[in-house]
Amino acid sequence: VVPLNYRGEAPVNMPVVNRLWKSLSPYFEGAGAEENFLLISSDF
């Protein structure tokens, strides 16, 4: 597992989440998409 947390409630800091996406997105390209799973822990 790769456990990561952050402030989850609104308002969302868009520069913070875009930086996170830039770092995580390569893990879900090509062969990474077959190995890794993006698990969103959330209630509504």
All heavy atoms as atom14 arrays in JSON, in Angstrom:
{
  "sequence": "VVPLNYRGEAPVNMPVVNRLWKSLSPYFEGAGAEENFLLISSDF",
  "atom14_mask": [
    [1, 1, 1, 1, 1, 1, 1, 0, 0, 0, 0, 0, 0, 0],
    [1, 1, 1, 1, 1, 1, 1, 0, 0, 0, 0, 0, 0, 0],
    [1, 1, 1, 1, 1, 1, 1, 0, 0, 0, 0, 0, 0, 0],
    [1, 1, 1, 1, 1, 1, 1, 1, 0, 0, 0, 0, 0, 0],
    [1, 1, 1, 1, 1, 1, 1, 1, 0, 0, 0, 0, 0, 0],
    [1, 1, 1, 1, 1, 1, 1, 1, 1, 1, 1, 1, 0, 0],
    [1, 1, 1, 1, 1, 1, 1, 1, 1, 1, 1, 0, 0, 0],
    [1, 1, 1, 1, 0, 0, 0, 0, 0, 0, 0, 0, 0, 0],
    [1, 1, 1, 1, 1, 1, 1, 1, 1, 0, 0, 0, 0, 0],
    [1, 1, 1, 1, 1, 0, 0, 0, 0, 0, 0, 0, 0, 0],
    [1, 1, 1, 1, 1, 1, 1, 0, 0, 0, 0, 0, 0, 0],
    [1, 1, 1, 1, 1, 1, 1, 0, 0, 0, 0, 0, 0, 0],
    [1, 1, 1, 1, 1, 1, 1, 1, 0, 0, 0, 0, 0, 0],
    [1, 1, 1, 1, 1, 1, 1, 1, 0, 0, 0, 0, 0, 0],
    [1, 1, 1, 1, 1, 1, 1, 0, 0, 0, 0, 0, 0, 0],
    [1, 1, 1, 1, 1, 1, 1, 0, 0, 0, 0, 0, 0, 0],
    [1, 1, 1, 1, 1, 1, 1, 0, 0, 0, 0, 0, 0, 0],
    [1, 1, 1, 1, 1, 1, 1, 1, 0, 0, 0, 0, 0, 0],
    [1, 1, 1, 1, 1, 1, 1, 1, 1, 1, 1, 0, 0, 0],
    [1, 1, 1, 1, 1, 1, 1, 1, 0, 0, 0, 0, 0, 0],
    [1, 1, 1, 1, 1, 1, 1, 1, 1, 1, 1, 1, 1, 1],
    [1, 1, 1, 1, 1, 1, 1, 1, 1, 0, 0, 0, 0, 0],
    [1, 1, 1, 1, 1, 1, 0, 0, 0, 0, 0, 0, 0, 0],
    [1, 1, 1, 1, 1, 1, 1, 1, 0, 0, 0, 0, 0, 0],
    [1, 1, 1, 1, 1, 1, 0, 0, 0, 0, 0, 0, 0, 0],
    [1, 1, 1, 1, 1, 1, 1, 0, 0, 0, 0, 0, 0, 0],
    [1, 1, 1, 1, 1, 1, 1, 1, 1, 1, 1, 1, 0, 0],
    [1, 1, 1, 1, 1, 1, 1, 1, 1, 1, 1, 0, 0, 0],
    [1, 1, 1, 1, 1, 1, 1, 1, 1, 0, 0, 0, 0, 0],
    [1, 1, 1, 1, 0, 0, 0, 0, 0, 0, 0, 0, 0, 0],
    [1, 1, 1, 1, 1, 0, 0, 0, 0, 0, 0, 0, 0, 0],
    [1, 1, 1, 1, 0, 0, 0, 0, 0, 0, 0, 0, 0, 0],
    [1, 1, 1, 1, 1, 0, 0, 0, 0, 0, 0, 0, 0, 0],
    [1, 1, 1, 1, 1, 1, 1, 1, 1, 0, 0, 0, 0, 0],
    [1, 1, 1, 1, 1, 1, 1, 1, 1, 0, 0, 0, 0, 0],
    [1, 1, 1, 1, 1, 1, 1, 1, 0, 0, 0, 0, 0, 0],
    [1, 1, 1, 1, 1, 1, 1, 1, 1, 1, 1, 0, 0, 0],
    [1, 1, 1, 1, 1, 1, 1, 1, 0, 0, 0, 0, 0, 0],
    [1, 1, 1, 1, 1, 1, 1, 1, 0, 0, 0, 0, 0, 0],
    [1, 1, 1, 1, 1, 1, 1, 1, 0, 0, 0, 0, 0, 0],
    [1, 1, 1, 1, 1, 1, 0, 0, 0, 0, 0, 0, 0, 0],
    [1, 1, 1, 1, 1, 1, 0, 0, 0, 0, 0, 0, 0, 0],
    [1, 1, 1, 1, 1, 1, 1, 1, 0, 0, 0, 0, 0, 0],
    [1, 1, 1, 1, 1, 1, 1, 1, 1, 1, 1, 0, 0, 0]
  ],
  "atom14_positions": [
    [[0.83, -1.2, 0.0], [0.0, 0.0, 0.0], [0.87, 1.25, 0.0], [2.01, 1.24, 0.47], [-0.95, 0.03, 1.22], [-1.95, -1.12, 1.14], [-0.18, -0.02, 2.53], [0.0, 0.0, 0.0], [0.0, 0.0, 0.0], [0.0, 0.0, 0.0], [0.0, 0.0, 0.0], [0.0, 0.0, 0.0], [0.0, 0.0, 0.0], [0.0, 0.0, 0.0]],
    [[0.3, 2.31, -0.55], [0.9, 3.65, -0.49], [-0.16, 4.54, 0.15], [-1.08, 5.01, -0.51], [1.29, 4.17, -1.88], [1.89, 5.57, -1.78], [2.26, 3.21, -2.56], [0.0, 0.0, 0.0], [0.0, 0.0, 0.0], [0.0, 0.0, 0.0], [0.0, 0.0, 0.0], [0.0, 0.0, 0.0], [0.0, 0.0, 0.0], [0.0, 0.0, 0.0]],
    [[-0.07, 4.74, 1.48], [-1.11, 5.49, 2.2], [-0.81, 6.99, 2.21], [0.3, 7.39, 2.56], [-1.05, 4.9, 3.62], [0.09, 3.91, 3.61], [0.91, 4.18, 2.4], [0.0, 0.0, 0.0], [0.0, 0.0, 0.0], [0.0, 0.0, 0.0], [0.0, 0.0, 0.0], [0.0, 0.0, 0.0], [0.0, 0.0, 0.0], [0.0, 0.0, 0.0]],
    [[-1.8, 7.77, 1.87], [-1.61, 9.21, 1.78], [-2.88, 9.9, 2.26], [-3.99, 9.48, 1.91], [-1.27, 9.61, 0.35], [-0.79, 11.03, 0.09], [0.18, 11.03, -1.09], [-1.96, 11.98, -0.2], [0.0, 0.0, 0.0], [0.0, 0.0, 0.0], [0.0, 0.0, 0.0], [0.0, 0.0, 0.0], [0.0, 0.0, 0.0], [0.0, 0.0, 0.0]],
    [[-2.72, 10.95, 3.09], [-3.9, 11.71, 3.48], [-3.66, 13.21, 3.4], [-2.53, 13.67, 3.24], [-4.45, 11.27, 4.84], [-3.65, 11.79, 6.02], [-2.67, 12.51, 5.89], [-4.09, 11.4, 7.22], [0.0, 0.0, 0.0], [0.0, 0.0, 0.0], [0.0, 0.0, 0.0], [0.0, 0.0, 0.0], [0.0, 0.0, 0.0], [0.0, 0.0, 0.0]],
    [[-4.77, 13.97, 3.52], [-4.76, 15.41, 3.3], [-6.09, 15.94, 3.8], [-7.0, 15.17, 4.18], [-4.62, 15.72, 1.8], [-5.41, 14.76, 0.94], [-6.8, 14.79, 0.91], [-4.78, 13.76, 0.2], [-7.53, 13.89, 0.16], [-5.5, 12.85, -0.55], [-6.88, 12.92, -0.56], [-7.61, 12.01, -1.27], [0.0, 0.0, 0.0], [0.0, 0.0, 0.0]],
    [[-6.23, 17.24, 3.78], [-7.53, 17.84, 4.15], [-8.55, 17.51, 3.06], [-8.34, 17.82, 1.89], [-7.39, 19.34, 4.33], [-6.53, 19.74, 5.52], [-6.42, 21.25, 5.67], [-5.6, 21.61, 6.84], [-4.29, 21.73, 6.82], [-3.62, 21.53, 5.69], [-3.63, 22.05, 7.92], [0.0, 0.0, 0.0], [0.0, 0.0, 0.0], [0.0, 0.0, 0.0]],
    [[-9.66, 16.91, 3.47], [-10.59, 16.38, 2.48], [-11.83, 17.21, 2.22], [-12.49, 17.03, 1.21], [0.0, 0.0, 0.0], [0.0, 0.0, 0.0], [0.0, 0.0, 0.0], [0.0, 0.0, 0.0], [0.0, 0.0, 0.0], [0.0, 0.0, 0.0], [0.0, 0.0, 0.0], [0.0, 0.0, 0.0], [0.0, 0.0, 0.0], [0.0, 0.0, 0.0]],
    [[-12.16, 18.11, 3.13], [-13.4, 18.86, 2.99], [-13.2, 20.08, 2.09], [-12.08, 20.54, 1.85], [-13.89, 19.32, 4.37], [-14.14, 18.18, 5.35], [-15.43, 17.44, 5.08], [-16.17, 17.85, 4.16], [-15.71, 16.46, 5.8], [0.0, 0.0, 0.0], [0.0, 0.0, 0.0], [0.0, 0.0, 0.0], [0.0, 0.0, 0.0], [0.0, 0.0, 0.0]],
    [[-14.32, 20.6, 1.61], [-14.29, 21.84, 0.83], [-13.93, 23.01, 1.75], [-14.17, 22.96, 2.96], [-15.66, 22.05, 0.2], [0.0, 0.0, 0.0], [0.0, 0.0, 0.0], [0.0, 0.0, 0.0], [0.0, 0.0, 0.0], [0.0, 0.0, 0.0], [0.0, 0.0, 0.0], [0.0, 0.0, 0.0], [0.0, 0.0, 0.0], [0.0, 0.0, 0.0]],
    [[-13.32, 24.09, 1.2], [-12.94, 24.25, -0.21], [-11.66, 23.51, -0.54], [-10.79, 23.35, 0.31], [-12.74, 25.77, -0.35], [-12.29, 26.2, 1.03], [-13.03, 25.32, 2.0], [0.0, 0.0, 0.0], [0.0, 0.0, 0.0], [0.0, 0.0, 0.0], [0.0, 0.0, 0.0], [0.0, 0.0, 0.0], [0.0, 0.0, 0.0], [0.0, 0.0, 0.0]],
    [[-11.58, 23.06, -1.77], [-10.42, 22.3, -2.22], [-9.35, 23.25, -2.73], [-9.63, 24.15, -3.53], [-10.83, 21.31, -3.34], [-9.61, 20.58, -3.87], [-11.85, 20.3, -2.8], [0.0, 0.0, 0.0], [0.0, 0.0, 0.0], [0.0, 0.0, 0.0], [0.0, 0.0, 0.0], [0.0, 0.0, 0.0], [0.0, 0.0, 0.0], [0.0, 0.0, 0.0]],
    [[-8.13, 23.03, -2.25], [-6.98, 23.81, -2.71], [-6.52, 23.2, -4.04], [-5.84, 22.18, -4.07], [-5.87, 23.75, -1.66], [-4.69, 24.64, -2.0], [-4.28, 24.74, -3.15], [-4.13, 25.28, -0.99], [0.0, 0.0, 0.0], [0.0, 0.0, 0.0], [0.0, 0.0, 0.0], [0.0, 0.0, 0.0], [0.0, 0.0, 0.0], [0.0, 0.0, 0.0]],
    [[-6.87, 23.84, -5.14], [-6.63, 23.25, -6.45], [-5.14, 23.1, -6.79], [-4.75, 22.08, -7.37], [-7.34, 24.07, -7.53], [-8.86, 24.1, -7.37], [-9.59, 22.45, -7.15], [-9.17, 21.67, -8.69], [0.0, 0.0, 0.0], [0.0, 0.0, 0.0], [0.0, 0.0, 0.0], [0.0, 0.0, 0.0], [0.0, 0.0, 0.0], [0.0, 0.0, 0.0]],
    [[-4.27, 24.04, -6.47], [-2.85, 23.8, -6.72], [-2.33, 22.57, -5.97], [-1.49, 21.84, -6.49], [-2.18, 25.09, -6.23], [-3.23, 26.14, -6.38], [-4.52, 25.45, -6.03], [0.0, 0.0, 0.0], [0.0, 0.0, 0.0], [0.0, 0.0, 0.0], [0.0, 0.0, 0.0], [0.0, 0.0, 0.0], [0.0, 0.0, 0.0], [0.0, 0.0, 0.0]],
    [[-2.83, 22.34, -4.76], [-2.4, 21.18, -3.98], [-2.83, 19.88, -4.65], [-2.04, 18.94, -4.79], [-2.95, 21.27, -2.55], [-2.8, 19.93, -1.81], [-2.23, 22.37, -1.77], [0.0, 0.0, 0.0], [0.0, 0.0, 0.0], [0.0, 0.0, 0.0], [0.0, 0.0, 0.0], [0.0, 0.0, 0.0], [0.0, 0.0, 0.0], [0.0, 0.0, 0.0]],
    [[-4.08, 19.81, -5.1], [-4.53, 18.55, -5.7], [-3.95, 18.34, -7.09], [-3.68, 17.2, -7.49], [-6.08, 18.45, -5.74], [-6.63, 18.38, -4.33], [-6.7, 19.57, -6.53], [0.0, 0.0, 0.0], [0.0, 0.0, 0.0], [0.0, 0.0, 0.0], [0.0, 0.0, 0.0], [0.0, 0.0, 0.0], [0.0, 0.0, 0.0], [0.0, 0.0, 0.0]],
    [[-3.71, 19.41, -7.82], [-3.08, 19.25, -9.14], [-1.63, 18.78, -9.01], [-1.15, 18.0, -9.83], [-3.15, 20.56, -9.93], [-4.5, 20.76, -10.59], [-5.05, 19.84, -11.18], [-5.05, 21.96, -10.49], [0.0, 0.0, 0.0], [0.0, 0.0, 0.0], [0.0, 0.0, 0.0], [0.0, 0.0, 0.0], [0.0, 0.0, 0.0], [0.0, 0.0, 0.0]],
    [[-0.95, 19.25, -7.98], [0.41, 18.77, -7.74], [0.38, 17.28, -7.38], [1.23, 16.51, -7.82], [1.04, 19.58, -6.62], [2.51, 19.21, -6.36], [3.09, 20.05, -5.24], [4.51, 19.75, -5.04], [5.26, 20.27, -4.09], [4.74, 21.15, -3.23], [6.54, 19.94, -3.97], [0.0, 0.0, 0.0], [0.0, 0.0, 0.0], [0.0, 0.0, 0.0]],
    [[-0.6, 16.88, -6.59], [-0.73, 15.48, -6.23], [-1.02, 14.63, -7.46], [-0.44, 13.55, -7.65], [-1.83, 15.31, -5.19], [-2.09, 13.89, -4.69], [-0.83, 13.27, -4.11], [-3.22, 13.89, -3.66], [0.0, 0.0, 0.0], [0.0, 0.0, 0.0], [0.0, 0.0, 0.0], [0.0, 0.0, 0.0], [0.0, 0.0, 0.0], [0.0, 0.0, 0.0]],
    [[-1.91, 15.09, -8.32], [-2.21, 14.36, -9.55], [-0.98, 14.23, -10.44], [-0.74, 13.17, -11.03], [-3.34, 15.04, -10.31], [-3.56, 14.52, -11.7], [-3.45, 15.21, -12.87], [-3.93, 13.19, -12.06], [-3.72, 14.41, -13.94], [-4.03, 13.14, -13.49], [-4.18, 12.03, -11.35], [-4.35, 11.99, -14.18], [-4.52, 10.88, -12.05], [-4.6, 10.86, -13.44]],
    [[-0.2, 15.28, -10.55], [1.02, 15.23, -11.37], [1.97, 14.16, -10.86], [2.62, 13.45, -11.65], [1.7, 16.59, -11.37], [2.95, 16.65, -12.24], [3.57, 18.04, -12.22], [4.84, 18.1, -13.07], [5.46, 19.46, -13.04], [0.0, 0.0, 0.0], [0.0, 0.0, 0.0], [0.0, 0.0, 0.0], [0.0, 0.0, 0.0], [0.0, 0.0, 0.0]],
    [[2.05, 13.99, -9.54], [2.95, 12.99, -8.96], [2.4, 11.57, -9.07], [3.15, 10.62, -9.25], [3.23, 13.32, -7.49], [3.96, 14.51, -7.38], [0.0, 0.0, 0.0], [0.0, 0.0, 0.0], [0.0, 0.0, 0.0], [0.0, 0.0, 0.0], [0.0, 0.0, 0.0], [0.0, 0.0, 0.0], [0.0, 0.0, 0.0], [0.0, 0.0, 0.0]],
    [[1.08, 11.42, -8.95], [0.48, 10.08, -8.95], [0.18, 9.55, -10.35], [0.21, 8.33, -10.58], [-0.82, 10.09, -8.15], [-0.71, 10.27, -6.64], [-2.09, 10.2, -6.0], [0.2, 9.22, -6.02], [0.0, 0.0, 0.0], [0.0, 0.0, 0.0], [0.0, 0.0, 0.0], [0.0, 0.0, 0.0], [0.0, 0.0, 0.0], [0.0, 0.0, 0.0]],
    [[-0.11, 10.42, -11.29], [-0.58, 9.98, -12.6], [0.37, 9.03, -13.33], [-0.09, 8.1, -14.0], [-0.92, 11.18, -13.49], [0.22, 12.0, -13.7], [0.0, 0.0, 0.0], [0.0, 0.0, 0.0], [0.0, 0.0, 0.0], [0.0, 0.0, 0.0], [0.0, 0.0, 0.0], [0.0, 0.0, 0.0], [0.0, 0.0, 0.0], [0.0, 0.0, 0.0]],
    [[1.71, 9.18, -13.22], [2.58, 8.23, -13.92], [2.41, 6.78, -13.46], [2.72, 5.86, -14.22], [3.99, 8.75, -13.61], [3.82, 10.2, -13.32], [2.51, 10.29, -12.62], [0.0, 0.0, 0.0], [0.0, 0.0, 0.0], [0.0, 0.0, 0.0], [0.0, 0.0, 0.0], [0.0, 0.0, 0.0], [0.0, 0.0, 0.0], [0.0, 0.0, 0.0]],
    [[1.93, 6.58, -12.25], [1.75, 5.22, -11.74], [0.55, 4.53, -12.37], [0.35, 3.32, -12.16], [1.59, 5.25, -10.22], [2.84, 5.67, -9.5], [3.03, 6.99, -9.1], [3.85, 4.75, -9.23], [4.19, 7.39, -8.44], [5.01, 5.14, -8.58], [5.17, 6.46, -8.19], [6.33, 6.84, -7.54], [0.0, 0.0, 0.0], [0.0, 0.0, 0.0]],
    [[-0.23, 5.26, -13.14], [-1.42, 4.69, -13.77], [-1.34, 4.8, -15.29], [-2.36, 4.87, -15.97], [-2.68, 5.35, -13.21], [-2.81, 5.15, -11.73], [-2.3, 6.08, -10.84], [-3.39, 4.0, -11.22], [-2.38, 5.88, -9.48], [-3.47, 3.78, -9.86], [-2.97, 4.72, -8.98], [0.0, 0.0, 0.0], [0.0, 0.0, 0.0], [0.0, 0.0, 0.0]],
    [[-0.11, 4.79, -15.79], [0.13, 4.78, -17.23], [0.75, 3.45, -17.62], [1.54, 2.86, -16.86], [1.08, 5.92, -17.62], [0.53, 7.3, -17.38], [1.56, 8.4, -17.64], [2.76, 8.04, -17.75], [1.18, 9.57, -17.73], [0.0, 0.0, 0.0], [0.0, 0.0, 0.0], [0.0, 0.0, 0.0], [0.0, 0.0, 0.0], [0.0, 0.0, 0.0]],
    [[0.42, 2.97, -18.82], [1.04, 1.75, -19.34], [0.91, 0.57, -18.41], [-0.19, 0.25, -17.92], [0.0, 0.0, 0.0], [0.0, 0.0, 0.0], [0.0, 0.0, 0.0], [0.0, 0.0, 0.0], [0.0, 0.0, 0.0], [0.0, 0.0, 0.0], [0.0, 0.0, 0.0], [0.0, 0.0, 0.0], [0.0, 0.0, 0.0], [0.0, 0.0, 0.0]],
    [[2.05, -0.08, -18.11], [2.04, -1.26, -17.25], [1.58, -0.91, -15.84], [1.04, -1.77, -15.13], [3.43, -1.88, -17.2], [0.0, 0.0, 0.0], [0.0, 0.0, 0.0], [0.0, 0.0, 0.0], [0.0, 0.0, 0.0], [0.0, 0.0, 0.0], [0.0, 0.0, 0.0], [0.0, 0.0, 0.0], [0.0, 0.0, 0.0], [0.0, 0.0, 0.0]],
    [[1.77, 0.33, -15.42], [1.33, 0.73, -14.1], [-0.16, 0.57, -13.89], [-0.62, 0.29, -12.77], [0.0, 0.0, 0.0], [0.0, 0.0, 0.0], [0.0, 0.0, 0.0], [0.0, 0.0, 0.0], [0.0, 0.0, 0.0], [0.0, 0.0, 0.0], [0.0, 0.0, 0.0], [0.0, 0.0, 0.0], [0.0, 0.0, 0.0], [0.0, 0.0, 0.0]],
    [[-0.92, 0.74, -14.95], [-2.37, 0.58, -14.85], [-2.76, -0.86, -14.56], [-3.84, -1.12, -14.01], [-3.04, 1.05, -16.14], [0.0, 0.0, 0.0], [0.0, 0.0, 0.0], [0.0, 0.0, 0.0], [0.0, 0.0, 0.0], [0.0, 0.0, 0.0], [0.0, 0.0, 0.0], [0.0, 0.0, 0.0], [0.0, 0.0, 0.0], [0.0, 0.0, 0.0]],
    [[-1.9, -1.81, -14.93], [-2.16, -3.22, -14.66], [-1.72, -3.61, -13.25], [-2.21, -4.6, -12.7], [-1.4, -4.09, -15.67], [-1.73, -3.8, -17.12], [-3.14, -4.23, -17.49], [-3.63, -5.23, -16.91], [-3.75, -3.56, -18.35], [0.0, 0.0, 0.0], [0.0, 0.0, 0.0], [0.0, 0.0, 0.0], [0.0, 0.0, 0.0], [0.0, 0.0, 0.0]],
    [[-0.8, -2.86, -12.66], [-0.25, -3.2, -11.35], [-0.91, -2.44, -10.21], [-1.08, -2.98, -9.12], [1.25, -2.89, -11.33], [2.07, -3.64, -12.37], [3.5, -3.14, -12.44], [3.81, -2.14, -11.74], [4.31, -3.74, -13.17], [0.0, 0.0, 0.0], [0.0, 0.0, 0.0], [0.0, 0.0, 0.0], [0.0, 0.0, 0.0], [0.0, 0.0, 0.0]],
    [[-1.27, -1.19, -10.44], [-1.69, -0.29, -9.37], [-3.19, -0.06, -9.39], [-3.84, -0.17, -10.43], [-0.96, 1.05, -9.5], [0.54, 0.88, -9.45], [1.06, 0.12, -8.65], [1.26, 1.59, -10.32], [0.0, 0.0, 0.0], [0.0, 0.0, 0.0], [0.0, 0.0, 0.0], [0.0, 0.0, 0.0], [0.0, 0.0, 0.0], [0.0, 0.0, 0.0]],
    [[-3.71, 0.34, -8.23], [-5.13, 0.66, -8.11], [-5.28, 1.92, -7.27], [-4.68, 2.04, -6.2], [-5.9, -0.49, -7.46], [-7.4, -0.33, -7.49], [-8.11, -0.79, -8.59], [-8.07, 0.26, -6.44], [-9.5, -0.63, -8.63], [-9.44, 0.42, -6.47], [-10.17, -0.04, -7.57], [0.0, 0.0, 0.0], [0.0, 0.0, 0.0], [0.0, 0.0, 0.0]],
    [[-6.07, 2.87, -7.78], [-6.33, 4.11, -7.07], [-7.57, 3.93, -6.19], [-8.68, 3.81, -6.7], [-6.53, 5.25, -8.06], [-6.72, 6.64, -7.44], [-5.46, 7.09, -6.71], [-7.1, 7.66, -8.52], [0.0, 0.0, 0.0], [0.0, 0.0, 0.0], [0.0, 0.0, 0.0], [0.0, 0.0, 0.0], [0.0, 0.0, 0.0], [0.0, 0.0, 0.0]],
    [[-7.37, 3.89, -4.88], [-8.44, 3.59, -3.93], [-8.82, 4.86, -3.18], [-8.03, 5.39, -2.39], [-7.97, 2.5, -2.96], [-8.91, 2.06, -1.86], [-10.28, 1.68, -2.41], [-8.31, 0.88, -1.1], [0.0, 0.0, 0.0], [0.0, 0.0, 0.0], [0.0, 0.0, 0.0], [0.0, 0.0, 0.0], [0.0, 0.0, 0.0], [0.0, 0.0, 0.0]],
    [[-10.02, 5.35, -3.43], [-10.52, 6.57, -2.8], [-11.35, 6.18, -1.58], [-12.42, 5.58, -1.71], [-11.37, 7.41, -3.77], [-10.62, 7.62, -5.1], [-11.75, 8.73, -3.12], [-9.29, 8.3, -4.97], [0.0, 0.0, 0.0], [0.0, 0.0, 0.0], [0.0, 0.0, 0.0], [0.0, 0.0, 0.0], [0.0, 0.0, 0.0], [0.0, 0.0, 0.0]],
    [[-10.85, 6.5, -0.4], [-11.53, 6.2, 0.86], [-12.44, 7.37, 1.2], [-11.95, 8.46, 1.52], [-10.48, 5.97, 1.95], [-11.07, 5.79, 3.2], [0.0, 0.0, 0.0], [0.0, 0.0, 0.0], [0.0, 0.0, 0.0], [0.0, 0.0, 0.0], [0.0, 0.0, 0.0], [0.0, 0.0, 0.0], [0.0, 0.0, 0.0], [0.0, 0.0, 0.0]],
    [[-13.75, 7.15, 1.14], [-14.65, 8.29, 1.28], [-16.05, 7.87, 1.69], [-16.54, 6.8, 1.3], [-14.74, 9.05, -0.05], [-15.51, 10.23, 0.09], [0.0, 0.0, 0.0], [0.0, 0.0, 0.0], [0.0, 0.0, 0.0], [0.0, 0.0, 0.0], [0.0, 0.0, 0.0], [0.0, 0.0, 0.0], [0.0, 0.0, 0.0], [0.0, 0.0, 0.0]],
    [[-16.7, 8.73, 2.46], [-18.13, 8.62, 2.75], [-18.81, 9.9, 2.27], [-18.17, 10.93, 2.06], [-18.35, 8.43, 4.25], [-17.74, 7.12, 4.74], [-18.08, 6.08, 4.18], [-16.92, 7.16, 5.67], [0.0, 0.0, 0.0], [0.0, 0.0, 0.0], [0.0, 0.0, 0.0], [0.0, 0.0, 0.0], [0.0, 0.0, 0.0], [0.0, 0.0, 0.0]],
    [[-20.13, 9.83, 2.14], [-20.87, 10.9, 1.47], [-21.98, 11.45, 2.35], [-22.42, 10.82, 3.32], [-21.45, 10.36, 0.15], [-20.41, 10.01, -0.88], [-19.67, 8.84, -0.76], [-20.13, 10.85, -1.94], [-18.7, 8.51, -1.7], [-19.15, 10.54, -2.87], [-18.45, 9.36, -2.75], [0.0, 0.0, 0.0], [0.0, 0.0, 0.0], [0.0, 0.0, 0.0]]
  ]
}
